[in-house]
Amino acid sequence: MLDIFGEAGRVSSMTHVFKQMQEKGIKIDDITYTSLMHWLSNAGDVDGAVQIWEEMRAQGCWSSRFRIRRKP
Protein backbone atom coordinates (compact mmCIF):
# COMPACT_ATOMS: atom_id res chain seq x y z
CA MET A 1 0.00 0.00 0.00
CA LEU A 2 2.78 2.43 0.92
CA ASP A 3 4.62 1.77 -2.34
CA ILE A 4 1.45 2.36 -4.34
CA PHE A 5 0.98 5.79 -2.75
CA GLY A 6 4.67 6.60 -3.09
CA GLU A 7 4.81 5.64 -6.75
CA ALA A 8 1.72 7.74 -7.43
CA GLY A 9 3.40 10.73 -5.75
CA ARG A 10 0.88 10.73 -2.91
CA VAL A 11 3.47 11.01 -0.15
CA SER A 12 1.06 12.60 2.33
CA SER A 13 -1.30 9.62 1.94
CA MET A 14 1.66 7.28 2.37
CA THR A 15 2.76 8.93 5.61
CA HIS A 16 -0.85 8.95 6.85
CA VAL A 17 -1.14 5.19 6.33
CA PHE A 18 2.24 4.70 8.04
CA LYS A 19 1.07 6.66 11.09
CA GLN A 20 -2.14 4.62 11.21
CA MET A 21 -0.06 1.43 11.15
CA GLN A 22 1.95 2.70 14.13
CA GLU A 23 -1.17 3.76 16.04
CA LYS A 24 -2.75 0.33 15.53
CA GLY A 25 0.37 -1.41 16.80
CA ILE A 26 1.29 -3.02 13.49
CA LYS A 27 4.92 -4.13 13.57
CA ILE A 28 6.97 -1.95 11.24
CA ASP A 29 9.70 -3.94 9.51
CA ASP A 30 12.84 -3.04 7.61
CA ILE A 31 11.06 -3.27 4.26
CA THR A 32 8.51 -0.68 5.36
CA TYR A 33 11.19 1.72 6.60
CA THR A 34 13.17 1.32 3.38
CA SER A 35 10.10 2.02 1.28
CA LEU A 36 9.29 5.16 3.26
CA MET A 37 12.84 6.49 2.98
CA HIS A 38 12.87 5.78 -0.75
CA TRP A 39 9.66 7.64 -1.54
CA LEU A 40 10.32 10.51 0.85
CA SER A 41 13.74 11.13 -0.68
CA ASN A 42 12.33 10.83 -4.22
CA ALA A 43 9.78 13.49 -3.31
CA GLY A 44 12.58 15.76 -2.10
CA ASP A 45 11.79 15.36 1.60
CA VAL A 46 15.30 14.55 2.73
CA ASP A 47 14.57 15.67 6.30
CA GLY A 48 11.61 13.28 6.43
CA ALA A 49 13.76 10.42 5.11
CA VAL A 50 16.42 11.15 7.74
CA GLN A 51 13.74 11.20 10.44
CA ILE A 52 12.54 7.76 9.30
CA TRP A 53 16.16 6.54 9.29
CA GLU A 54 16.60 7.71 12.88
CA GLU A 55 13.33 6.09 13.94
CA MET A 56 14.34 2.87 12.23
CA ARG A 57 17.66 2.84 14.06
CA ALA A 58 15.92 3.56 17.37
CA GLN A 59 13.69 0.53 16.74
CA GLY A 60 16.71 -1.75 16.37
CA CYS A 61 17.09 -1.94 12.62
CA TRP A 62 20.51 -1.68 11.03
CA SER A 63 21.73 -1.43 7.48
CA SER A 64 23.86 -3.96 5.73
CA ARG A 65 25.67 -3.38 2.51
CA PHE A 66 22.73 -4.64 0.49
CA ARG A 67 19.63 -3.92 2.54
CA ILE A 68 18.40 -2.82 5.92
CA ARG A 69 17.73 -5.54 8.44
CA ARG A 70 16.41 -5.83 11.97
CA LYS A 71 18.97 -6.86 14.55
CA PRO A 72 18.36 -10.40 15.91
PDB file of N, CA and C in Angstrom:
ATOM      1  N   MET A   1       0.822  -1.187   0.000  1.00  0.00           N
ATOM      2  CA  MET A   1       0.000   0.000   0.000  1.00  0.00           C
ATOM      3  C   MET A   1       0.870   1.257   0.000  1.00  0.00           C
ATOM      4  N   LEU A   2       1.917   1.262   0.845  1.00  0.00           N
ATOM      5  CA  LEU A   2       2.783   2.433   0.924  1.00  0.00           C
ATOM      6  C   LEU A   2       3.486   2.684  -0.407  1.00  0.00           C
ATOM      7  N   ASP A   3       3.961   1.619  -1.043  1.00  0.00           N
ATOM      8  CA  ASP A   3       4.623   1.775  -2.340  1.00  0.00           C
ATOM      9  C   ASP A   3       3.673   2.305  -3.411  1.00  0.00           C
ATOM     10  N   ILE A   4       2.426   1.887  -3.354  1.00  0.00           N
ATOM     11  CA  ILE A   4       1.448   2.360  -4.338  1.00  0.00           C
ATOM     12  C   ILE A   4       1.271   3.869  -4.202  1.00  0.00           C
ATOM     13  N   PHE A   5       1.102   4.342  -2.968  1.00  0.00           N
ATOM     14  CA  PHE A   5       0.981   5.786  -2.753  1.00  0.00           C
ATOM     15  C   PHE A   5       2.263   6.518  -3.140  1.00  0.00           C
ATOM     16  N   GLY A   6       3.400   5.955  -2.767  1.00  0.00           N
ATOM     17  CA  GLY A   6       4.670   6.596  -3.094  1.00  0.00           C
ATOM     18  C   GLY A   6       4.888   6.708  -4.587  1.00  0.00           C
ATOM     19  N   GLU A   7       4.622   5.632  -5.300  1.00  0.00           N
ATOM     20  CA  GLU A   7       4.806   5.638  -6.748  1.00  0.00           C
ATOM     21  C   GLU A   7       3.872   6.624  -7.434  1.00  0.00           C
ATOM     22  N   ALA A   8       2.691   6.796  -6.866  1.00  0.00           N
ATOM     23  CA  ALA A   8       1.720   7.737  -7.428  1.00  0.00           C
ATOM     24  C   ALA A   8       2.016   9.184  -7.024  1.00  0.00           C
ATOM     25  N   GLY A   9       3.054   9.381  -6.198  1.00  0.00           N
ATOM     26  CA  GLY A   9       3.396  10.726  -5.755  1.00  0.00           C
ATOM     27  C   GLY A   9       2.524  11.237  -4.628  1.00  0.00           C
ATOM     28  N   ARG A  10       1.785  10.339  -4.002  1.00  0.00           N
ATOM     29  CA  ARG A  10       0.885  10.726  -2.914  1.00  0.00           C
ATOM     30  C   ARG A  10       1.576  10.466  -1.568  1.00  0.00           C
ATOM     31  N   VAL A  11       2.635  11.219  -1.330  1.00  0.00           N
ATOM     32  CA  VAL A  11       3.466  11.010  -0.145  1.00  0.00           C
ATOM     33  C   VAL A  11       2.697  11.303   1.134  1.00  0.00           C
ATOM     34  N   SER A  12       1.818  12.305   1.121  1.00  0.00           N
ATOM     35  CA  SER A  12       1.055  12.604   2.334  1.00  0.00           C
ATOM     36  C   SER A  12       0.123  11.445   2.680  1.00  0.00           C
ATOM     37  N   SER A  13      -0.462  10.803   1.682  1.00  0.00           N
ATOM     38  CA  SER A  13      -1.297   9.622   1.936  1.00  0.00           C
ATOM     39  C   SER A  13      -0.447   8.474   2.471  1.00  0.00           C
ATOM     40  N   MET A  14       0.750   8.330   1.924  1.00  0.00           N
ATOM     41  CA  MET A  14       1.659   7.281   2.369  1.00  0.00           C
ATOM     42  C   MET A  14       2.028   7.476   3.841  1.00  0.00           C
ATOM     43  N   THR A  15       2.384   8.688   4.220  1.00  0.00           N
ATOM     44  CA  THR A  15       2.762   8.926   5.613  1.00  0.00           C
ATOM     45  C   THR A  15       1.555   8.794   6.539  1.00  0.00           C
ATOM     46  N   HIS A  16       0.373   9.128   6.048  1.00  0.00           N
ATOM     47  CA  HIS A  16      -0.847   8.954   6.847  1.00  0.00           C
ATOM     48  C   HIS A  16      -1.080   7.471   7.152  1.00  0.00           C
ATOM     49  N   VAL A  17      -0.954   6.628   6.135  1.00  0.00           N
ATOM     50  CA  VAL A  17      -1.138   5.190   6.333  1.00  0.00           C
ATOM     51  C   VAL A  17      -0.072   4.654   7.291  1.00  0.00           C
ATOM     52  N   PHE A  18       1.169   5.127   7.153  1.00  0.00           N
ATOM     53  CA  PHE A  18       2.242   4.700   8.040  1.00  0.00           C
ATOM     54  C   PHE A  18       1.922   5.051   9.498  1.00  0.00           C
ATOM     55  N   LYS A  19       1.436   6.253   9.730  1.00  0.00           N
ATOM     56  CA  LYS A  19       1.074   6.662  11.088  1.00  0.00           C
ATOM     57  C   LYS A  19      -0.077   5.825  11.632  1.00  0.00           C
ATOM     58  N   GLN A  20      -1.034   5.491  10.782  1.00  0.00           N
ATOM     59  CA  GLN A  20      -2.137   4.625  11.208  1.00  0.00           C
ATOM     60  C   GLN A  20      -1.612   3.238  11.590  1.00  0.00           C
ATOM     61  N   MET A  21      -0.662   2.731  10.826  1.00  0.00           N
ATOM     62  CA  MET A  21      -0.057   1.435  11.148  1.00  0.00           C
ATOM     63  C   MET A  21       0.567   1.480  12.540  1.00  0.00           C
ATOM     64  N   GLN A  22       1.303   2.552  12.818  1.00  0.00           N
ATOM     65  CA  GLN A  22       1.947   2.703  14.129  1.00  0.00           C
ATOM     66  C   GLN A  22       0.911   2.782  15.237  1.00  0.00           C
ATOM     67  N   GLU A  23      -0.135   3.587  15.029  1.00  0.00           N
ATOM     68  CA  GLU A  23      -1.169   3.757  16.043  1.00  0.00           C
ATOM     69  C   GLU A  23      -1.901   2.457  16.348  1.00  0.00           C
ATOM     70  N   LYS A  24      -2.050   1.603  15.347  1.00  0.00           N
ATOM     71  CA  LYS A  24      -2.748   0.332  15.531  1.00  0.00           C
ATOM     72  C   LYS A  24      -1.831  -0.776  16.035  1.00  0.00           C
ATOM     73  N   GLY A  25      -0.565  -0.433  16.252  1.00  0.00           N
ATOM     74  CA  GLY A  25       0.372  -1.408  16.799  1.00  0.00           C
ATOM     75  C   GLY A  25       0.890  -2.425  15.797  1.00  0.00           C
ATOM     76  N   ILE A  26       0.762  -2.122  14.519  1.00  0.00           N
ATOM     77  CA  ILE A  26       1.290  -3.021  13.489  1.00  0.00           C
ATOM     78  C   ILE A  26       2.811  -2.938  13.508  1.00  0.00           C
ATOM     79  N   LYS A  27       3.457  -4.087  13.521  1.00  0.00           N
ATOM     80  CA  LYS A  27       4.919  -4.130  13.567  1.00  0.00           C
ATOM     81  C   LYS A  27       5.499  -3.578  12.259  1.00  0.00           C
ATOM     82  N   ILE A  28       6.337  -2.580  12.384  1.00  0.00           N
ATOM     83  CA  ILE A  28       6.967  -1.954  11.235  1.00  0.00           C
ATOM     84  C   ILE A  28       8.307  -2.656  10.997  1.00  0.00           C
ATOM     85  N   ASP A  29       8.476  -3.197   9.794  1.00  0.00           N
ATOM     86  CA  ASP A  29       9.703  -3.936   9.511  1.00  0.00           C
ATOM     87  C   ASP A  29      10.663  -3.123   8.641  1.00  0.00           C
ATOM     88  N   ASP A  30      11.812  -3.723   8.382  1.00  0.00           N
ATOM     89  CA  ASP A  30      12.844  -3.036   7.614  1.00  0.00           C
ATOM     90  C   ASP A  30      12.400  -2.705   6.191  1.00  0.00           C
ATOM     91  N   ILE A  31      11.564  -3.523   5.610  1.00  0.00           N
ATOM     92  CA  ILE A  31      11.064  -3.266   4.256  1.00  0.00           C
ATOM     93  C   ILE A  31      10.204  -2.005   4.247  1.00  0.00           C
ATOM     94  N   THR A  32       9.373  -1.856   5.256  1.00  0.00           N
ATOM     95  CA  THR A  32       8.514  -0.679   5.363  1.00  0.00           C
ATOM     96  C   THR A  32       9.343   0.586   5.516  1.00  0.00           C
ATOM     97  N   TYR A  33      10.330   0.544   6.419  1.00  0.00           N
ATOM     98  CA  TYR A  33      11.192   1.715   6.604  1.00  0.00           C
ATOM     99  C   TYR A  33      11.923   2.078   5.314  1.00  0.00           C
ATOM    100  N   THR A  34      12.440   1.073   4.617  1.00  0.00           N
ATOM    101  CA  THR A  34      13.172   1.320   3.375  1.00  0.00           C
ATOM    102  C   THR A  34      12.266   1.958   2.327  1.00  0.00           C
ATOM    103  N   SER A  35      11.048   1.459   2.224  1.00  0.00           N
ATOM    104  CA  SER A  35      10.095   2.020   1.276  1.00  0.00           C
ATOM    105  C   SER A  35       9.802   3.481   1.596  1.00  0.00           C
ATOM    106  N   LEU A  36       9.559   3.769   2.861  1.00  0.00           N
ATOM    107  CA  LEU A  36       9.295   5.161   3.257  1.00  0.00           C
ATOM    108  C   LEU A  36      10.464   6.076   2.921  1.00  0.00           C
ATOM    109  N   MET A  37      11.665   5.646   3.270  1.00  0.00           N
ATOM    110  CA  MET A  37      12.839   6.486   2.979  1.00  0.00           C
ATOM    111  C   MET A  37      12.995   6.706   1.481  1.00  0.00           C
ATOM    112  N   HIS A  38      12.756   5.670   0.704  1.00  0.00           N
ATOM    113  CA  HIS A  38      12.873   5.778  -0.752  1.00  0.00           C
ATOM    114  C   HIS A  38      11.924   6.836  -1.304  1.00  0.00           C
ATOM    115  N   TRP A  39      10.643   6.718  -0.965  1.00  0.00           N
ATOM    116  CA  TRP A  39       9.660   7.636  -1.541  1.00  0.00           C
ATOM    117  C   TRP A  39       9.772   9.045  -0.980  1.00  0.00           C
ATOM    118  N   LEU A  40      10.116   9.170   0.297  1.00  0.00           N
ATOM    119  CA  LEU A  40      10.319  10.514   0.852  1.00  0.00           C
ATOM    120  C   LEU A  40      11.480  11.220   0.157  1.00  0.00           C
ATOM    121  N   SER A  41      12.580  10.503  -0.022  1.00  0.00           N
ATOM    122  CA  SER A  41      13.735  11.134  -0.675  1.00  0.00           C
ATOM    123  C   SER A  41      13.438  11.434  -2.136  1.00  0.00           C
ATOM    124  N   ASN A  42      12.702  10.551  -2.824  1.00  0.00           N
ATOM    125  CA  ASN A  42      12.328  10.829  -4.218  1.00  0.00           C
ATOM    126  C   ASN A  42      11.456  12.066  -4.331  1.00  0.00           C
ATOM    127  N   ALA A  43      10.655  12.314  -3.308  1.00  0.00           N
ATOM    128  CA  ALA A  43       9.776  13.485  -3.313  1.00  0.00           C
ATOM    129  C   ALA A  43      10.512  14.752  -2.867  1.00  0.00           C
ATOM    130  N   GLY A  44      11.798  14.606  -2.524  1.00  0.00           N
ATOM    131  CA  GLY A  44      12.585  15.764  -2.105  1.00  0.00           C
ATOM    132  C   GLY A  44      12.526  16.044  -0.619  1.00  0.00           C
ATOM    133  N   ASP A  45      11.897  15.173   0.148  1.00  0.00           N
ATOM    134  CA  ASP A  45      11.790  15.356   1.598  1.00  0.00           C
ATOM    135  C   ASP A  45      12.937  14.621   2.298  1.00  0.00           C
ATOM    136  N   VAL A  46      14.118  15.181   2.150  1.00  0.00           N
ATOM    137  CA  VAL A  46      15.304  14.551   2.732  1.00  0.00           C
ATOM    138  C   VAL A  46      15.210  14.539   4.256  1.00  0.00           C
ATOM    139  N   ASP A  47      14.716  15.618   4.841  1.00  0.00           N
ATOM    140  CA  ASP A  47      14.572  15.666   6.299  1.00  0.00           C
ATOM    141  C   ASP A  47      13.623  14.565   6.792  1.00  0.00           C
ATOM    142  N   GLY A  48      12.542  14.338   6.066  1.00  0.00           N
ATOM    143  CA  GLY A  48      11.612  13.276   6.430  1.00  0.00           C
ATOM    144  C   GLY A  48      12.259  11.905   6.324  1.00  0.00           C
ATOM    145  N   ALA A  49      13.068  11.699   5.278  1.00  0.00           N
ATOM    146  CA  ALA A  49      13.762  10.422   5.107  1.00  0.00           C
ATOM    147  C   ALA A  49      14.761  10.201   6.233  1.00  0.00           C
ATOM    148  N   VAL A  50      15.462  11.253   6.634  1.00  0.00           N
ATOM    149  CA  VAL A  50      16.419  11.146   7.739  1.00  0.00           C
ATOM    150  C   VAL A  50      15.681  10.846   9.038  1.00  0.00           C
ATOM    151  N   GLN A  51      14.535  11.457   9.240  1.00  0.00           N
ATOM    152  CA  GLN A  51      13.738  11.197  10.442  1.00  0.00           C
ATOM    153  C   GLN A  51      13.311   9.728  10.495  1.00  0.00           C
ATOM    154  N   ILE A  52      12.904   9.174   9.362  1.00  0.00           N
ATOM    155  CA  ILE A  52      12.535   7.757   9.304  1.00  0.00           C
ATOM    156  C   ILE A  52      13.761   6.885   9.572  1.00  0.00           C
ATOM    157  N   TRP A  53      14.912   7.264   9.029  1.00  0.00           N
ATOM    158  CA  TRP A  53      16.161   6.540   9.287  1.00  0.00           C
ATOM    159  C   TRP A  53      16.452   6.499  10.791  1.00  0.00           C
ATOM    160  N   GLU A  54      16.328   7.641  11.447  1.00  0.00           N
ATOM    161  CA  GLU A  54      16.600   7.712  12.880  1.00  0.00           C
ATOM    162  C   GLU A  54      15.597   6.872  13.673  1.00  0.00           C
ATOM    163  N   GLU A  55      14.334   6.909  13.272  1.00  0.00           N
ATOM    164  CA  GLU A  55      13.328   6.088  13.940  1.00  0.00           C
ATOM    165  C   GLU A  55      13.633   4.606  13.741  1.00  0.00           C
ATOM    166  N   MET A  56      14.009   4.250  12.529  1.00  0.00           N
ATOM    167  CA  MET A  56      14.340   2.866  12.228  1.00  0.00           C
ATOM    168  C   MET A  56      15.488   2.382  13.112  1.00  0.00           C
ATOM    169  N   ARG A  57      16.507   3.194  13.219  1.00  0.00           N
ATOM    170  CA  ARG A  57      17.658   2.837  14.062  1.00  0.00           C
ATOM    171  C   ARG A  57      17.245   2.705  15.529  1.00  0.00           C
ATOM    172  N   ALA A  58      16.383   3.603  15.984  1.00  0.00           N
ATOM    173  CA  ALA A  58      15.917   3.558  17.371  1.00  0.00           C
ATOM    174  C   ALA A  58      15.097   2.297  17.644  1.00  0.00           C
ATOM    175  N   GLN A  59      14.481   1.745  16.598  1.00  0.00           N
ATOM    176  CA  GLN A  59      13.686   0.530  16.739  1.00  0.00           C
ATOM    177  C   GLN A  59      14.517  -0.742  16.601  1.00  0.00           C
ATOM    178  N   GLY A  60      15.828  -0.578  16.424  1.00  0.00           N
ATOM    179  CA  GLY A  60      16.708  -1.749  16.375  1.00  0.00           C
ATOM    180  C   GLY A  60      17.017  -2.279  14.995  1.00  0.00           C
ATOM    181  N   CYS A  61      16.713  -1.519  13.973  1.00  0.00           N
ATOM    182  CA  CYS A  61      17.087  -1.938  12.619  1.00  0.00           C
ATOM    183  C   CYS A  61      18.479  -1.411  12.302  1.00  0.00           C
ATOM    184  N   TRP A  62      19.184  -2.104  11.442  1.00  0.00           N
ATOM    185  CA  TRP A  62      20.511  -1.676  11.026  1.00  0.00           C
ATOM    186  C   TRP A  62      20.645  -1.923   9.534  1.00  0.00           C
ATOM    187  N   SER A  63      21.569  -1.256   8.921  1.00  0.00           N
ATOM    188  CA  SER A  63      21.726  -1.428   7.480  1.00  0.00           C
ATOM    189  C   SER A  63      22.925  -2.316   7.193  1.00  0.00           C
ATOM    190  N   SER A  64      22.742  -3.171   6.236  1.00  0.00           N
ATOM    191  CA  SER A  64      23.856  -3.960   5.731  1.00  0.00           C
ATOM    192  C   SER A  64      24.281  -3.320   4.414  1.00  0.00           C
ATOM    193  N   ARG A  65      25.218  -3.921   3.777  1.00  0.00           N
ATOM    194  CA  ARG A  65      25.674  -3.377   2.509  1.00  0.00           C
ATOM    195  C   ARG A  65      24.584  -3.434   1.442  1.00  0.00           C
ATOM    196  N   PHE A  66      23.706  -4.410   1.544  1.00  0.00           N
ATOM    197  CA  PHE A  66      22.730  -4.643   0.486  1.00  0.00           C
ATOM    198  C   PHE A  66      21.304  -4.256   0.851  1.00  0.00           C
ATOM    199  N   ARG A  67      20.977  -4.307   2.122  1.00  0.00           N
ATOM    200  CA  ARG A  67      19.633  -3.924   2.540  1.00  0.00           C
ATOM    201  C   ARG A  67      19.638  -3.619   4.030  1.00  0.00           C
ATOM    202  N   ILE A  68      18.537  -3.141   4.500  1.00  0.00           N
ATOM    203  CA  ILE A  68      18.402  -2.818   5.915  1.00  0.00           C
ATOM    204  C   ILE A  68      17.734  -3.996   6.589  1.00  0.00           C
ATOM    205  N   ARG A  69      18.273  -4.403   7.732  1.00  0.00           N
ATOM    206  CA  ARG A  69      17.726  -5.542   8.442  1.00  0.00           C
ATOM    207  C   ARG A  69      17.522  -5.213   9.905  1.00  0.00           C
ATOM    208  N   ARG A  70      16.637  -5.960  10.534  1.00  0.00           N
ATOM    209  CA  ARG A  70      16.412  -5.829  11.968  1.00  0.00           C
ATOM    210  C   ARG A  70      17.448  -6.661  12.691  1.00  0.00           C
ATOM    211  N   LYS A  71      18.011  -6.112  13.758  1.00  0.00           N
ATOM    212  CA  LYS A  71      18.969  -6.861  14.554  1.00  0.00           C
ATOM    213  C   LYS A  71      18.279  -8.067  15.189  1.00  0.00           C
ATOM    214  N   PRO A  72      18.972  -9.211  15.275  1.00  0.00           N
ATOM    215  CA  PRO A  72      18.356 -10.400  15.911  1.00  0.00           C
ATOM    216  C   PRO A  72      18.151 -10.204  17.395  1.00  0.00           C
TER     217      PRO A  72
END
